[in-house]
Amino acid sequence: MKVVLATHNPHKVAEFQQIVAATRPDLEVVGYDGPEPVEDGVTFAENALIKARAASAHTGLAALADDSGICVDVLGGSPGVFSAYWAGQKKDAAANLELLLDQLRDIVDPHRSAHFTSTIALVTPDGDEHVVEGIWPGRLAHAASGDGGFGYDPIFVPDGQSEGAERTVGEFSDAEKQAHSHRARAFAELVPLLSRL
């Protein structure tokens, strides 16, 4: 079965293809080359649905769309839905990361808790809509570390690691990230719904 992933971000396409291959090898995830809708929702779910509806309507396929971001507790959950635009409308990942680090420069470790959120919408050509969510808890490092991943990965330290051996997601292998990420967690919630297609 083929589904379209409603994103022009090649990193997300590759990440989804790896996640899907590990759990649903019968599912082919293809990239989206259609028009990009205006993401004017104020929640992850609203934006994910906007993208999935547009991709399904354009391609005639079932569509998946992920809207995700990093939510920092001391910032009241920000950047949240504005994660990709935190430093401005250019979607500059390096500038976003540097701005967030600068904003938290004087915040000590116990108050640097954060989590990645992934909300995935599934929209079918006949109008069925489903939304699932995955949360990956952790905290923010004081400096970027690692060349892997993208976005805020180099400053996110996931919970559950051995003390003294903690790494950022930027230091994870692709396989480690795909096994534990917020997108993997959301996709696990989606698998039963995909089985009905």
C-alpha atoms as a PDB file:
ATOM      1  CA  MET A   1       0.000   0.000   0.000  1.00  0.00           C
ATOM      2  CA  LYS A   2       1.244   3.513  -0.818  1.00  0.00           C
ATOM      3  CA  VAL A   3       0.756   6.619   1.326  1.00  0.00           C
ATOM      4  CA  VAL A   4       2.052  10.110   0.725  1.00  0.00           C
ATOM      5  CA  LEU A   5       3.902  11.976   3.459  1.00  0.00           C
ATOM      6  CA  ALA A   6       2.796  15.600   3.369  1.00  0.00           C
ATOM      7  CA  THR A   7       6.147  17.342   3.692  1.00  0.00           C
ATOM      8  CA  HIS A   8       8.801  18.890   1.490  1.00  0.00           C
ATOM      9  CA  ASN A   9      11.391  18.196   4.211  1.00  0.00           C
ATOM     10  CA  PRO A  10      13.670  15.386   2.954  1.00  0.00           C
ATOM     11  CA  HIS A  11      14.867  14.673   6.518  1.00  0.00           C
ATOM     12  CA  LYS A  12      11.313  13.883   7.626  1.00  0.00           C
ATOM     13  CA  VAL A  13      10.683  11.698   4.569  1.00  0.00           C
ATOM     14  CA  ALA A  14      13.836   9.658   5.255  1.00  0.00           C
ATOM     15  CA  GLU A  15      13.012   9.367   8.953  1.00  0.00           C
ATOM     16  CA  PHE A  16       9.451   8.201   8.272  1.00  0.00           C
ATOM     17  CA  GLN A  17      10.643   5.685   5.675  1.00  0.00           C
ATOM     18  CA  GLN A  18      13.014   4.177   8.254  1.00  0.00           C
ATOM     19  CA  ILE A  19      10.342   4.057  10.964  1.00  0.00           C
ATOM     20  CA  VAL A  20       7.785   2.506   8.625  1.00  0.00           C
ATOM     21  CA  ALA A  21      10.242  -0.052   7.233  1.00  0.00           C
ATOM     22  CA  ALA A  22      10.826  -1.364  10.767  1.00  0.00           C
ATOM     23  CA  THR A  23       7.139  -1.826  11.587  1.00  0.00           C
ATOM     24  CA  ARG A  24       5.114  -1.909   8.359  1.00  0.00           C
ATOM     25  CA  PRO A  25       7.330  -3.090   5.472  1.00  0.00           C
ATOM     26  CA  ASP A  26       4.218  -3.462   3.293  1.00  0.00           C
ATOM     27  CA  LEU A  27       3.630   0.289   3.469  1.00  0.00           C
ATOM     28  CA  GLU A  28       5.393   2.490   0.931  1.00  0.00           C
ATOM     29  CA  VAL A  29       5.869   6.098   2.037  1.00  0.00           C
ATOM     30  CA  VAL A  30       6.372   8.516  -0.834  1.00  0.00           C
ATOM     31  CA  GLY A  31       7.334  12.176  -0.717  1.00  0.00           C
ATOM     32  CA  TYR A  32       4.943  14.973  -1.585  1.00  0.00           C
ATOM     33  CA  ASP A  33       5.627  17.354  -4.469  1.00  0.00           C
ATOM     34  CA  GLY A  34       2.382  19.299  -4.477  1.00  0.00           C
ATOM     35  CA  PRO A  35       1.541  22.794  -3.268  1.00  0.00           C
ATOM     36  CA  GLU A  36       2.392  23.639   0.315  1.00  0.00           C
ATOM     37  CA  PRO A  37      -0.683  24.764   2.278  1.00  0.00           C
ATOM     38  CA  VAL A  38      -0.631  27.650   4.729  1.00  0.00           C
ATOM     39  CA  GLU A  39      -0.123  26.189   8.201  1.00  0.00           C
ATOM     40  CA  ASP A  40      -2.256  28.627  10.148  1.00  0.00           C
ATOM     41  CA  GLY A  41      -3.316  26.263  12.916  1.00  0.00           C
ATOM     42  CA  VAL A  42      -2.400  27.037  16.501  1.00  0.00           C
ATOM     43  CA  THR A  43      -1.922  23.412  17.568  1.00  0.00           C
ATOM     44  CA  PHE A  44       0.144  20.534  16.213  1.00  0.00           C
ATOM     45  CA  ALA A  45      -3.061  18.643  15.398  1.00  0.00           C
ATOM     46  CA  GLU A  46      -4.571  21.505  13.405  1.00  0.00           C
ATOM     47  CA  ASN A  47      -1.420  21.945  11.304  1.00  0.00           C
ATOM     48  CA  ALA A  48      -1.002  18.199  10.737  1.00  0.00           C
ATOM     49  CA  LEU A  49      -4.587  17.955   9.473  1.00  0.00           C
ATOM     50  CA  ILE A  50      -4.152  20.966   7.171  1.00  0.00           C
ATOM     51  CA  LYS A  51      -1.129  19.314   5.537  1.00  0.00           C
ATOM     52  CA  ALA A  52      -2.637  15.824   5.321  1.00  0.00           C
ATOM     53  CA  ARG A  53      -5.885  17.083   3.795  1.00  0.00           C
ATOM     54  CA  ALA A  54      -3.995  19.044   1.141  1.00  0.00           C
ATOM     55  CA  ALA A  55      -1.728  16.124   0.242  1.00  0.00           C
ATOM     56  CA  SER A  56      -4.584  13.628   0.031  1.00  0.00           C
ATOM     57  CA  ALA A  57      -6.663  15.974  -2.130  1.00  0.00           C
ATOM     58  CA  HIS A  58      -3.706  16.652  -4.445  1.00  0.00           C
ATOM     59  CA  THR A  59      -2.547  13.044  -4.870  1.00  0.00           C
ATOM     60  CA  GLY A  60      -5.707  10.989  -4.375  1.00  0.00           C
ATOM     61  CA  LEU A  61      -3.769   8.843  -1.881  1.00  0.00           C
ATOM     62  CA  ALA A  62      -4.074   8.360   1.835  1.00  0.00           C
ATOM     63  CA  ALA A  63      -1.827  10.999   3.370  1.00  0.00           C
ATOM     64  CA  LEU A  64       0.218  11.216   6.535  1.00  0.00           C
ATOM     65  CA  ALA A  65       1.357  14.549   7.927  1.00  0.00           C
ATOM     66  CA  ASP A  66       3.536  15.186  10.928  1.00  0.00           C
ATOM     67  CA  ASP A  67       3.561  18.442  12.815  1.00  0.00           C
ATOM     68  CA  SER A  68       6.143  18.421  15.520  1.00  0.00           C
ATOM     69  CA  GLY A  69       8.340  20.568  17.657  1.00  0.00           C
ATOM     70  CA  ILE A  70      10.166  21.025  20.892  1.00  0.00           C
ATOM     71  CA  CYS A  71       8.297  22.190  23.974  1.00  0.00           C
ATOM     72  CA  VAL A  72      10.336  23.732  26.796  1.00  0.00           C
ATOM     73  CA  ASP A  73       8.696  23.743  30.212  1.00  0.00           C
ATOM     74  CA  VAL A  74      10.273  26.956  31.508  1.00  0.00           C
ATOM     75  CA  LEU A  75       9.067  28.721  28.344  1.00  0.00           C
ATOM     76  CA  GLY A  76       5.484  27.592  28.895  1.00  0.00           C
ATOM     77  CA  GLY A  77       5.706  24.955  26.148  1.00  0.00           C
ATOM     78  CA  SER A  78       7.333  27.195  23.536  1.00  0.00           C
ATOM     79  CA  PRO A  79       8.630  27.075  20.861  1.00  0.00           C
ATOM     80  CA  GLY A  80       5.942  24.377  20.322  1.00  0.00           C
ATOM     81  CA  VAL A  81       4.085  24.850  17.031  1.00  0.00           C
ATOM     82  CA  PHE A  82       6.498  27.689  16.209  1.00  0.00           C
ATOM     83  CA  SER A  83       9.619  25.499  16.479  1.00  0.00           C
ATOM     84  CA  ALA A  84      10.501  25.754  12.784  1.00  0.00           C
ATOM     85  CA  TYR A  85      10.067  29.552  12.831  1.00  0.00           C
ATOM     86  CA  TRP A  86      11.469  30.379  16.284  1.00  0.00           C
ATOM     87  CA  ALA A  87      14.131  32.733  14.895  1.00  0.00           C
ATOM     88  CA  GLY A  88      11.975  34.069  12.043  1.00  0.00           C
ATOM     89  CA  GLN A  89      10.112  33.088   8.885  1.00  0.00           C
ATOM     90  CA  LYS A  90      13.199  31.761   7.063  1.00  0.00           C
ATOM     91  CA  LYS A  91      12.987  28.374   8.830  1.00  0.00           C
ATOM     92  CA  ASP A  92      16.697  28.585   9.715  1.00  0.00           C
ATOM     93  CA  ALA A  93      17.385  25.517  11.877  1.00  0.00           C
ATOM     94  CA  ALA A  94      20.777  26.753  13.087  1.00  0.00           C
ATOM     95  CA  ALA A  95      19.372  30.174  14.042  1.00  0.00           C
ATOM     96  CA  ASN A  96      16.419  28.540  15.833  1.00  0.00           C
ATOM     97  CA  LEU A  97      18.753  26.356  17.879  1.00  0.00           C
ATOM     98  CA  GLU A  98      21.096  29.236  18.759  1.00  0.00           C
ATOM     99  CA  LEU A  99      18.199  31.479  19.814  1.00  0.00           C
ATOM    100  CA  LEU A 100      16.749  28.790  22.083  1.00  0.00           C
ATOM    101  CA  LEU A 101      20.143  28.157  23.690  1.00  0.00           C
ATOM    102  CA  ASP A 102      20.601  31.900  24.229  1.00  0.00           C
ATOM    103  CA  GLN A 103      17.169  32.226  25.840  1.00  0.00           C
ATOM    104  CA  LEU A 104      18.052  29.437  28.292  1.00  0.00           C
ATOM    105  CA  ARG A 105      21.656  30.538  28.877  1.00  0.00           C
ATOM    106  CA  ASP A 106      21.166  31.224  32.608  1.00  0.00           C
ATOM    107  CA  ILE A 107      18.716  28.384  33.301  1.00  0.00           C
ATOM    108  CA  VAL A 108      20.222  25.576  35.414  1.00  0.00           C
ATOM    109  CA  ASP A 109      19.755  21.866  34.670  1.00  0.00           C
ATOM    110  CA  PRO A 110      16.779  21.094  36.930  1.00  0.00           C
ATOM    111  CA  HIS A 111      14.769  23.689  34.989  1.00  0.00           C
ATOM    112  CA  ARG A 112      15.822  22.721  31.453  1.00  0.00           C
ATOM    113  CA  SER A 113      13.168  20.009  31.041  1.00  0.00           C
ATOM    114  CA  ALA A 114      11.606  19.731  27.608  1.00  0.00           C
ATOM    115  CA  HIS A 115       9.955  17.252  25.307  1.00  0.00           C
ATOM    116  CA  PHE A 116       9.595  16.655  21.620  1.00  0.00           C
ATOM    117  CA  THR A 117       6.000  16.285  20.422  1.00  0.00           C
ATOM    118  CA  SER A 118       4.947  14.644  17.179  1.00  0.00           C
ATOM    119  CA  THR A 119       1.349  14.761  16.056  1.00  0.00           C
ATOM    120  CA  ILE A 120       0.567  12.660  12.996  1.00  0.00           C
ATOM    121  CA  ALA A 121      -2.615  13.073  10.996  1.00  0.00           C
ATOM    122  CA  LEU A 122      -3.908  10.393   8.638  1.00  0.00           C
ATOM    123  CA  VAL A 123      -6.416  11.512   6.007  1.00  0.00           C
ATOM    124  CA  THR A 124      -7.875   9.143   3.424  1.00  0.00           C
ATOM    125  CA  PRO A 125      -9.319  10.117   0.027  1.00  0.00           C
ATOM    126  CA  ASP A 126     -12.818   9.263   1.259  1.00  0.00           C
ATOM    127  CA  GLY A 127     -12.496  11.758   4.119  1.00  0.00           C
ATOM    128  CA  ASP A 128     -11.609   9.618   7.137  1.00  0.00           C
ATOM    129  CA  GLU A 129      -9.368  11.533   9.532  1.00  0.00           C
ATOM    130  CA  HIS A 130      -7.331  10.333  12.505  1.00  0.00           C
ATOM    131  CA  VAL A 131      -4.806  12.102  14.735  1.00  0.00           C
ATOM    132  CA  VAL A 132      -2.245  10.490  17.076  1.00  0.00           C
ATOM    133  CA  GLU A 133       0.499  11.929  19.269  1.00  0.00           C
ATOM    134  CA  GLY A 134       3.929  10.854  20.485  1.00  0.00           C
ATOM    135  CA  ILE A 135       5.913  12.519  23.291  1.00  0.00           C
ATOM    136  CA  TRP A 136       9.675  12.109  23.888  1.00  0.00           C
ATOM    137  CA  PRO A 137      10.644  13.586  27.278  1.00  0.00           C
ATOM    138  CA  GLY A 138      14.062  14.926  28.165  1.00  0.00           C
ATOM    139  CA  ARG A 139      15.964  18.148  28.773  1.00  0.00           C
ATOM    140  CA  LEU A 140      18.060  20.656  26.872  1.00  0.00           C
ATOM    141  CA  ALA A 141      21.851  20.589  26.913  1.00  0.00           C
ATOM    142  CA  HIS A 142      23.857  23.788  27.422  1.00  0.00           C
ATOM    143  CA  ALA A 143      25.561  23.430  24.038  1.00  0.00           C
ATOM    144  CA  ALA A 144      24.994  21.569  20.780  1.00  0.00           C
ATOM    145  CA  SER A 145      26.677  18.194  20.424  1.00  0.00           C
ATOM    146  CA  GLY A 146      26.685  15.678  17.582  1.00  0.00           C
ATOM    147  CA  ASP A 147      26.244  15.870  13.837  1.00  0.00           C
ATOM    148  CA  GLY A 148      23.260  13.532  13.516  1.00  0.00           C
ATOM    149  CA  GLY A 149      19.599  14.305  13.185  1.00  0.00           C
ATOM    150  CA  PHE A 150      18.298  17.763  12.363  1.00  0.00           C
ATOM    151  CA  GLY A 151      16.588  20.747  13.946  1.00  0.00           C
ATOM    152  CA  TYR A 152      16.900  20.744  17.734  1.00  0.00           C
ATOM    153  CA  ASP A 153      18.348  17.200  17.935  1.00  0.00           C
ATOM    154  CA  PRO A 154      21.887  18.372  18.873  1.00  0.00           C
ATOM    155  CA  ILE A 155      20.633  20.006  22.098  1.00  0.00           C
ATOM    156  CA  PHE A 156      17.978  17.486  23.187  1.00  0.00           C
ATOM    157  CA  VAL A 157      19.016  14.925  25.823  1.00  0.00           C
ATOM    158  CA  PRO A 158      16.303  12.243  26.102  1.00  0.00           C
ATOM    159  CA  ASP A 159      15.299  10.793  29.474  1.00  0.00           C
ATOM    160  CA  GLY A 160      16.123   7.180  30.307  1.00  0.00           C
ATOM    161  CA  GLN A 161      19.846   7.206  29.569  1.00  0.00           C
ATOM    162  CA  SER A 162      22.515   6.008  31.983  1.00  0.00           C
ATOM    163  CA  GLU A 163      23.795   8.799  34.196  1.00  0.00           C
ATOM    164  CA  GLY A 164      27.215   9.943  33.066  1.00  0.00           C
ATOM    165  CA  ALA A 165      26.686   8.490  29.592  1.00  0.00           C
ATOM    166  CA  GLU A 166      23.951  10.830  28.431  1.00  0.00           C
ATOM    167  CA  ARG A 167      23.999  11.970  24.818  1.00  0.00           C
ATOM    168  CA  THR A 168      22.019  14.363  22.694  1.00  0.00           C
ATOM    169  CA  VAL A 169      19.914  13.004  19.851  1.00  0.00           C
ATOM    170  CA  GLY A 170      22.537  14.561  17.572  1.00  0.00           C
ATOM    171  CA  GLU A 171      24.890  11.857  18.877  1.00  0.00           C
ATOM    172  CA  PHE A 172      22.419   9.006  18.305  1.00  0.00           C
ATOM    173  CA  SER A 173      22.657   6.670  15.342  1.00  0.00           C
ATOM    174  CA  ASP A 174      19.734   6.747  12.915  1.00  0.00           C
ATOM    175  CA  ALA A 175      18.596   3.370  14.245  1.00  0.00           C
ATOM    176  CA  GLU A 176      18.617   4.590  17.865  1.00  0.00           C
ATOM    177  CA  LYS A 177      16.642   7.677  16.986  1.00  0.00           C
ATOM    178  CA  GLN A 178      14.063   5.740  14.948  1.00  0.00           C
ATOM    179  CA  ALA A 179      13.560   3.311  17.835  1.00  0.00           C
ATOM    180  CA  HIS A 180      12.820   5.971  20.451  1.00  0.00           C
ATOM    181  CA  SER A 181      11.797   9.249  18.811  1.00  0.00           C
ATOM    182  CA  HIS A 182       8.548  11.152  19.214  1.00  0.00           C
ATOM    183  CA  ARG A 183       7.693  10.266  15.600  1.00  0.00           C
ATOM    184  CA  ALA A 184       8.278   6.569  16.247  1.00  0.00           C
ATOM    185  CA  ARG A 185       6.052   6.777  19.310  1.00  0.00           C
ATOM    186  CA  ALA A 186       3.304   8.534  17.372  1.00  0.00           C
ATOM    187  CA  PHE A 187       3.608   6.097  14.477  1.00  0.00           C
ATOM    188  CA  ALA A 188       3.213   3.163  16.890  1.00  0.00           C
ATOM    189  CA  GLU A 189      -0.177   4.657  17.835  1.00  0.00           C
ATOM    190  CA  LEU A 190      -1.040   4.922  14.142  1.00  0.00           C
ATOM    191  CA  VAL A 191      -0.251   1.310  13.155  1.00  0.00           C
ATOM    192  CA  PRO A 192      -3.659  -0.118  14.206  1.00  0.00           C
ATOM    193  CA  LEU A 193      -5.406   2.581  12.156  1.00  0.00           C
ATOM    194  CA  LEU A 194      -3.265   1.854   9.085  1.00  0.00           C
ATOM    195  CA  SER A 195      -4.215  -1.807   9.327  1.00  0.00           C
ATOM    196  CA  ARG A 196      -7.815  -0.830   8.553  1.00  0.00           C
ATOM    197  CA  LEU A 197      -6.954   0.874   5.265  1.00  0.00           C
END
